[in-house]
Amino acid sequence: NILLLGYGGAGHDGGNLSDVIMVLNVNPKDKKAVFVSIPRDLWVEIPVRSDISEHHKVNAAYAIGSNDVGFPLKEPQYKGEAGGGTMAKEVVGKVIGIPIEYYIAVDFEGFKKIADYLGGLDVEVPVTFDDYFYPVKGLENETCGKSAGEIAKLHEQYSDTQLHHQFECRYEHIHFDKGKTPMDGNVVLKFVRSRASEQHGGDFARSVRQQAVIMAMKEKFLSLTAINNMDDIYYEVSKMLKTDLAINKTKDLLAIFGNPDDYAISFLGLSTENVLIATKSMDGQFILIPKEGEDVWTGVQTYIFEQNE
């Protein structure tokens, strides 16, 4: 079981918050690989101190584990370079009821570099969609010609999506047509990050697009490894990752797993269409909790088990 994390990185608001959270379960005996998508708004307990756990969205687990200054009283295993990944493994493992052995994390710039190193990806776009509010890096606080007083008034009048519409200069319009589409790293990142589309918006639609990119990466890796040295490819890609999976251990696992093309790959998303409900936290945040109630993960775990039989 390997936890896959994608986060903004330097230069992004909340740079260590996880935009992408997936668990890859590999069964070499039955030749099955299952990706379980965890929505970032899932409300979970996070061990912020040795004696205290607090509720946060699950996307904060990696950020809190990576922040030793802001959370100096964490348990020792949640500190240091691997602290974020270790904490995220622990928190997500409790949700799905499966121990997670390793994590692999990549920030936006690393993700783009990987896609470009592979020569771009041919991604199967599931739905034609437009997003008129894709954030432009560096313009997050652009005033769009408005005075401080006007901005303060707008913040009083509007919230969330409505507020975005008042600062259109901070965003760009992106468009994708249904069907197989060649993408470089920059375009792939926009494809998987887009949230504000009327046709294909929100986190659940985004998880579908992330799945399409994973399949495109698998196909590209297979085509490249057929004519290149796998060690060289992994070495170059690993420079863009943070992980507790050492290169020699990776080689051992790849030998056990065998040819990726032999595997039946499936995707499983936790959502309000199966095991979750949407609500609000005590401080007004939009959150997702199990249908059985806050912190009751039995229904989620049973669902995952039954889907993987």
Protein backbone atom coordinates (compact mmCIF):
# COMPACT_ATOMS: atom_id res chain seq x y z
CA ASN A 1 0.00 0.00 0.00
CA ILE A 2 1.53 3.26 -1.16
CA LEU A 3 0.16 6.73 -0.39
CA LEU A 4 0.40 9.16 -3.31
CA LEU A 5 0.32 12.88 -2.47
CA GLY A 6 0.30 15.97 -4.67
CA TYR A 7 0.81 19.40 -3.12
CA GLY A 8 1.40 22.99 -4.24
CA GLY A 9 4.88 23.57 -2.93
CA ALA A 10 6.79 26.83 -2.69
CA GLY A 11 5.01 29.93 -3.96
CA HIS A 12 1.48 28.59 -3.41
CA ASP A 13 -0.92 29.46 -0.61
CA GLY A 14 -1.01 26.51 1.78
CA GLY A 15 1.85 24.99 -0.19
CA ASN A 16 1.97 21.75 1.81
CA LEU A 17 -1.77 21.08 1.73
CA SER A 18 -2.41 17.95 -0.35
CA ASP A 19 -4.44 18.58 -3.51
CA VAL A 20 -4.18 14.91 -4.46
CA ILE A 21 -4.52 12.03 -1.99
CA MET A 22 -4.61 8.46 -3.30
CA VAL A 23 -3.74 5.04 -1.94
CA LEU A 24 -2.33 2.51 -4.40
CA ASN A 25 -2.98 -1.09 -3.35
CA VAL A 26 -0.97 -3.60 -5.38
CA ASN A 27 -1.82 -7.31 -5.30
CA PRO A 28 0.92 -9.15 -7.23
CA LYS A 29 -0.69 -12.55 -6.67
CA ASP A 30 -3.98 -11.65 -8.38
CA LYS A 31 -2.37 -9.04 -10.66
CA LYS A 32 -4.65 -6.26 -9.43
CA ALA A 33 -3.87 -2.61 -8.72
CA VAL A 34 -6.49 -0.40 -7.07
CA PHE A 35 -6.26 3.38 -6.62
CA VAL A 36 -8.43 4.67 -3.77
CA SER A 37 -9.08 8.43 -4.03
CA ILE A 38 -9.46 10.28 -0.72
CA PRO A 39 -11.29 13.65 -0.98
CA ARG A 40 -9.26 16.46 0.52
CA ASP A 41 -12.27 17.82 2.48
CA LEU A 42 -12.59 14.62 4.53
CA TRP A 43 -12.80 15.54 8.24
CA VAL A 44 -10.31 13.52 10.29
CA GLU A 45 -8.42 13.46 13.56
CA ILE A 46 -4.77 14.51 13.29
CA PRO A 47 -2.26 13.98 16.14
CA VAL A 48 -0.98 17.57 16.41
CA ARG A 49 0.62 16.86 19.81
CA SER A 50 1.69 13.75 21.67
CA ASP A 51 -1.32 14.19 23.97
CA ILE A 52 -3.82 15.91 21.66
CA SER A 53 -5.54 15.14 18.36
CA GLU A 54 -7.49 17.84 16.54
CA HIS A 55 -9.97 17.66 13.70
CA HIS A 56 -8.78 19.03 10.37
CA LYS A 57 -9.38 18.31 6.73
CA VAL A 58 -7.31 15.32 5.65
CA ASN A 59 -5.30 17.47 3.23
CA ALA A 60 -3.72 19.15 6.29
CA ALA A 61 -2.06 15.94 7.53
CA TYR A 62 0.99 16.29 5.28
CA ALA A 63 1.22 20.02 6.01
CA ILE A 64 1.09 19.57 9.81
CA GLY A 65 3.59 16.74 9.70
CA SER A 66 5.92 18.92 7.61
CA ASN A 67 5.66 21.89 9.99
CA ASP A 68 7.92 21.29 12.99
CA VAL A 69 7.97 24.98 13.95
CA GLY A 70 4.21 25.41 14.13
CA PHE A 71 3.67 22.01 15.74
CA PRO A 72 6.75 21.43 17.93
CA LEU A 73 5.07 18.95 20.31
CA LYS A 74 4.30 16.25 17.76
CA GLU A 75 5.48 12.70 18.34
CA PRO A 76 9.07 12.19 17.08
CA GLN A 77 8.01 10.05 14.11
CA TYR A 78 6.08 13.02 12.70
CA LYS A 79 9.12 15.30 12.66
CA GLY A 80 11.94 15.80 10.20
CA GLU A 81 12.06 15.36 6.46
CA ALA A 82 9.67 12.38 6.40
CA GLY A 83 7.34 13.74 9.10
CA GLY A 84 4.66 14.91 6.68
CA GLY A 85 4.50 11.64 4.80
CA THR A 86 4.53 9.59 8.01
CA MET A 87 1.66 11.58 9.50
CA ALA A 88 -0.36 11.39 6.27
CA LYS A 89 0.17 7.59 6.11
CA GLU A 90 -1.06 7.21 9.68
CA VAL A 91 -4.15 9.40 9.24
CA VAL A 92 -5.22 7.95 5.87
CA GLY A 93 -4.50 4.41 7.05
CA LYS A 94 -6.99 4.82 9.90
CA VAL A 95 -9.64 6.04 7.45
CA ILE A 96 -9.37 3.11 5.05
CA GLY A 97 -8.49 0.49 7.67
CA ILE A 98 -5.37 -0.61 5.83
CA PRO A 99 -1.78 -0.02 6.99
CA ILE A 100 0.19 2.05 4.48
CA GLU A 101 3.84 1.08 4.04
CA TYR A 102 5.21 3.91 1.89
CA TYR A 103 4.43 7.38 0.62
CA ILE A 104 5.39 9.28 -2.51
CA ALA A 105 4.82 13.05 -2.59
CA VAL A 106 5.36 15.51 -5.43
CA ASP A 107 4.74 19.25 -5.67
CA PHE A 108 3.29 21.04 -8.69
CA GLU A 109 6.66 21.94 -10.21
CA GLY A 110 7.95 18.40 -9.76
CA PHE A 111 4.80 17.00 -11.35
CA LYS A 112 5.23 19.24 -14.40
CA LYS A 113 8.89 18.25 -14.71
CA ILE A 114 8.03 14.54 -14.59
CA ALA A 115 5.43 14.90 -17.34
CA ASP A 116 7.88 16.87 -19.48
CA TYR A 117 10.71 14.40 -18.79
CA LEU A 118 8.44 11.63 -20.09
CA GLY A 119 7.93 13.65 -23.27
CA GLY A 120 4.41 14.75 -22.37
CA LEU A 121 1.35 12.59 -21.88
CA ASP A 122 -1.53 11.49 -24.12
CA VAL A 123 -4.47 11.91 -21.74
CA GLU A 124 -8.00 10.64 -22.35
CA VAL A 125 -10.14 13.68 -21.42
CA PRO A 126 -13.45 12.26 -20.09
CA VAL A 127 -15.66 15.33 -20.66
CA THR A 128 -15.43 18.53 -22.70
CA PHE A 129 -15.21 21.37 -20.21
CA ASP A 130 -14.29 25.01 -19.62
CA ASP A 131 -12.95 26.58 -16.46
CA TYR A 132 -13.06 30.39 -16.47
CA PHE A 133 -11.50 30.67 -13.03
CA TYR A 134 -8.24 28.77 -13.10
CA PRO A 135 -5.87 30.64 -10.72
CA VAL A 136 -2.82 32.32 -12.25
CA LYS A 137 0.26 31.81 -10.10
CA GLY A 138 1.51 35.12 -8.70
CA LEU A 139 -1.82 36.95 -9.09
CA GLU A 140 -3.50 35.50 -5.98
CA ASN A 141 -3.64 38.93 -4.30
CA GLU A 142 -3.98 41.10 -7.41
CA THR A 143 -6.36 44.02 -6.71
CA CYS A 144 -7.72 44.12 -10.29
CA GLY A 145 -7.84 47.94 -10.03
CA LYS A 146 -9.91 47.99 -6.85
CA SER A 147 -9.10 50.10 -3.81
CA ALA A 148 -8.50 48.65 -0.34
CA GLY A 149 -11.92 49.92 0.74
CA GLU A 150 -13.65 48.33 -2.24
CA ILE A 151 -11.90 45.02 -1.59
CA ALA A 152 -12.92 45.03 2.08
CA LYS A 153 -16.52 45.70 1.10
CA LEU A 154 -16.51 42.86 -1.44
CA HIS A 155 -15.19 40.47 1.21
CA GLU A 156 -18.13 41.46 3.41
CA GLN A 157 -20.67 40.96 0.61
CA TYR A 158 -19.39 37.76 -1.02
CA SER A 159 -17.77 34.46 -0.12
CA ASP A 160 -15.94 31.67 -1.94
CA THR A 161 -16.99 31.32 -5.59
CA GLN A 162 -18.97 34.57 -5.66
CA LEU A 163 -15.89 36.44 -4.48
CA HIS A 164 -13.80 34.93 -7.29
CA HIS A 165 -16.09 36.54 -9.83
CA GLN A 166 -15.20 39.98 -8.46
CA PHE A 167 -11.48 39.51 -9.25
CA GLU A 168 -11.44 38.07 -12.75
CA CYS A 169 -7.89 39.32 -13.45
CA ARG A 170 -6.59 36.67 -11.04
CA TYR A 171 -7.81 33.85 -13.26
CA GLU A 172 -7.47 32.47 -16.77
CA HIS A 173 -9.83 30.54 -19.03
CA ILE A 174 -8.83 26.94 -19.79
CA HIS A 175 -10.64 24.56 -22.15
CA PHE A 176 -10.37 20.82 -22.85
CA ASP A 177 -12.15 18.74 -25.50
CA LYS A 178 -13.25 15.17 -24.83
CA GLY A 179 -10.93 12.53 -26.20
CA LYS A 180 -7.22 11.69 -26.24
CA THR A 181 -5.21 14.90 -25.95
CA PRO A 182 -1.42 15.40 -25.98
CA MET A 183 -0.35 17.53 -22.99
CA ASP A 184 2.93 18.93 -21.73
CA GLY A 185 3.60 19.28 -18.01
CA ASN A 186 2.01 22.71 -17.68
CA VAL A 187 -1.21 21.63 -19.40
CA VAL A 188 -1.42 18.36 -17.45
CA LEU A 189 -1.20 20.29 -14.19
CA LYS A 190 -4.04 22.60 -15.22
CA PHE A 191 -6.09 19.58 -16.28
CA VAL A 192 -5.82 17.83 -12.91
CA ARG A 193 -6.09 20.97 -10.75
CA SER A 194 -9.14 22.59 -12.38
CA ARG A 195 -12.08 22.85 -9.95
CA ALA A 196 -14.38 25.66 -11.14
CA SER A 197 -15.86 24.19 -14.32
CA GLU A 198 -19.65 24.11 -14.61
CA GLN A 199 -19.44 20.99 -16.80
CA HIS A 200 -16.81 19.06 -14.82
CA GLY A 201 -16.01 20.89 -11.60
CA GLY A 202 -15.42 20.05 -7.97
CA ASP A 203 -13.12 17.59 -6.26
CA PHE A 204 -14.93 14.43 -7.36
CA ALA A 205 -14.69 15.34 -11.04
CA ARG A 206 -11.08 16.25 -10.48
CA SER A 207 -10.35 12.76 -9.11
CA VAL A 208 -11.68 11.31 -12.39
CA ARG A 209 -9.20 13.49 -14.28
CA GLN A 210 -6.39 12.41 -11.98
CA GLN A 211 -7.23 8.82 -12.85
CA ALA A 212 -6.96 9.64 -16.56
CA VAL A 213 -3.49 11.10 -16.00
CA ILE A 214 -2.37 8.03 -14.05
CA MET A 215 -3.40 5.79 -16.95
CA ALA A 216 -1.57 8.07 -19.39
CA MET A 217 1.56 7.91 -17.21
CA LYS A 218 1.35 4.13 -17.08
CA GLU A 219 1.20 3.91 -20.88
CA LYS A 220 4.10 6.33 -21.28
CA PHE A 221 6.26 4.45 -18.76
CA LEU A 222 5.57 1.17 -20.56
CA SER A 223 6.51 2.67 -23.92
CA LEU A 224 9.69 4.25 -22.53
CA THR A 225 10.88 1.23 -20.56
CA ALA A 226 10.55 -0.89 -23.66
CA ILE A 227 13.41 1.06 -25.26
CA ASN A 228 15.24 2.63 -22.27
CA ASN A 229 16.95 1.59 -19.07
CA MET A 230 14.37 1.54 -16.25
CA ASP A 231 17.05 2.43 -13.69
CA ASP A 232 17.86 5.65 -15.54
CA ILE A 233 14.20 6.62 -15.81
CA TYR A 234 13.49 5.96 -12.14
CA TYR A 235 16.63 7.84 -11.06
CA GLU A 236 15.60 10.95 -12.99
CA VAL A 237 11.98 10.83 -11.81
CA SER A 238 12.93 10.15 -8.18
CA LYS A 239 14.84 13.45 -8.02
CA MET A 240 11.49 15.23 -8.26
CA LEU A 241 9.82 13.25 -5.45
CA LYS A 242 9.79 13.09 -1.67
CA THR A 243 9.41 9.52 -0.45
CA ASP A 244 10.43 6.95 2.15
CA LEU A 245 10.71 4.34 -0.60
CA ALA A 246 14.43 3.88 -1.27
CA ILE A 247 15.68 3.14 -4.77
CA ASN A 248 16.94 -0.34 -3.86
CA LYS A 249 13.59 -1.17 -2.23
CA THR A 250 11.79 0.10 -5.31
CA LYS A 251 13.79 -2.27 -7.48
CA ASP A 252 12.86 -5.16 -5.17
CA LEU A 253 9.16 -4.24 -5.36
CA LEU A 254 9.24 -3.89 -9.15
CA ALA A 255 10.76 -7.35 -9.40
CA ILE A 256 7.93 -8.74 -7.24
CA PHE A 257 5.19 -6.83 -9.09
CA GLY A 258 6.35 -7.81 -12.56
CA ASN A 259 5.04 -6.23 -15.75
CA PRO A 260 2.53 -3.40 -15.05
CA ASP A 261 0.75 -4.27 -18.29
CA ASP A 262 -0.32 -7.59 -16.74
CA TYR A 263 -2.36 -5.81 -14.05
CA ALA A 264 -6.06 -5.04 -13.99
CA ILE A 265 -6.17 -1.41 -12.81
CA SER A 266 -9.25 0.00 -11.12
CA PHE A 267 -10.18 3.23 -9.35
CA LEU A 268 -12.31 3.71 -6.30
CA GLY A 269 -13.40 7.14 -5.07
CA LEU A 270 -14.91 7.95 -1.69
CA SER A 271 -17.72 10.45 -2.25
CA THR A 272 -21.23 11.56 -1.33
CA GLU A 273 -22.50 9.08 -3.92
CA ASN A 274 -21.39 6.15 -1.78
CA VAL A 275 -20.14 6.47 1.82
CA LEU A 276 -19.83 10.17 2.69
CA ILE A 277 -22.11 13.13 3.45
CA ALA A 278 -21.38 16.85 3.18
CA THR A 279 -21.76 19.09 6.19
CA LYS A 280 -20.05 21.98 7.97
CA SER A 281 -17.57 22.02 10.83
CA MET A 282 -18.17 23.99 14.03
CA ASP A 283 -16.19 26.89 12.54
CA GLY A 284 -18.16 26.85 9.26
CA GLN A 285 -15.83 24.91 6.95
CA PHE A 286 -17.27 22.68 4.23
CA ILE A 287 -16.35 19.12 5.21
CA LEU A 288 -17.12 15.50 4.37
CA ILE A 289 -17.79 12.86 7.04
CA PRO A 290 -18.90 9.21 6.95
CA LYS A 291 -22.64 8.56 6.69
CA GLU A 292 -22.40 6.69 9.99
CA GLY A 293 -21.11 9.81 11.73
CA GLU A 294 -17.92 11.72 12.46
CA ASP A 295 -14.86 9.46 12.90
CA VAL A 296 -16.90 6.27 12.32
CA TRP A 297 -14.97 4.61 9.49
CA THR A 298 -16.53 1.13 9.50
CA GLY A 299 -18.83 1.89 6.55
CA VAL A 300 -15.97 3.38 4.53
CA GLN A 301 -13.73 0.40 5.25
CA THR A 302 -16.45 -2.15 4.46
CA TYR A 303 -17.18 -0.39 1.16
CA ILE A 304 -13.51 -0.45 0.15
CA PHE A 305 -13.20 -4.14 1.09
CA GLU A 306 -16.35 -5.16 -0.80
CA GLN A 307 -15.36 -3.23 -3.92
CA ASN A 308 -11.98 -4.94 -3.98
CA GLU A 309 -13.22 -8.53 -3.58
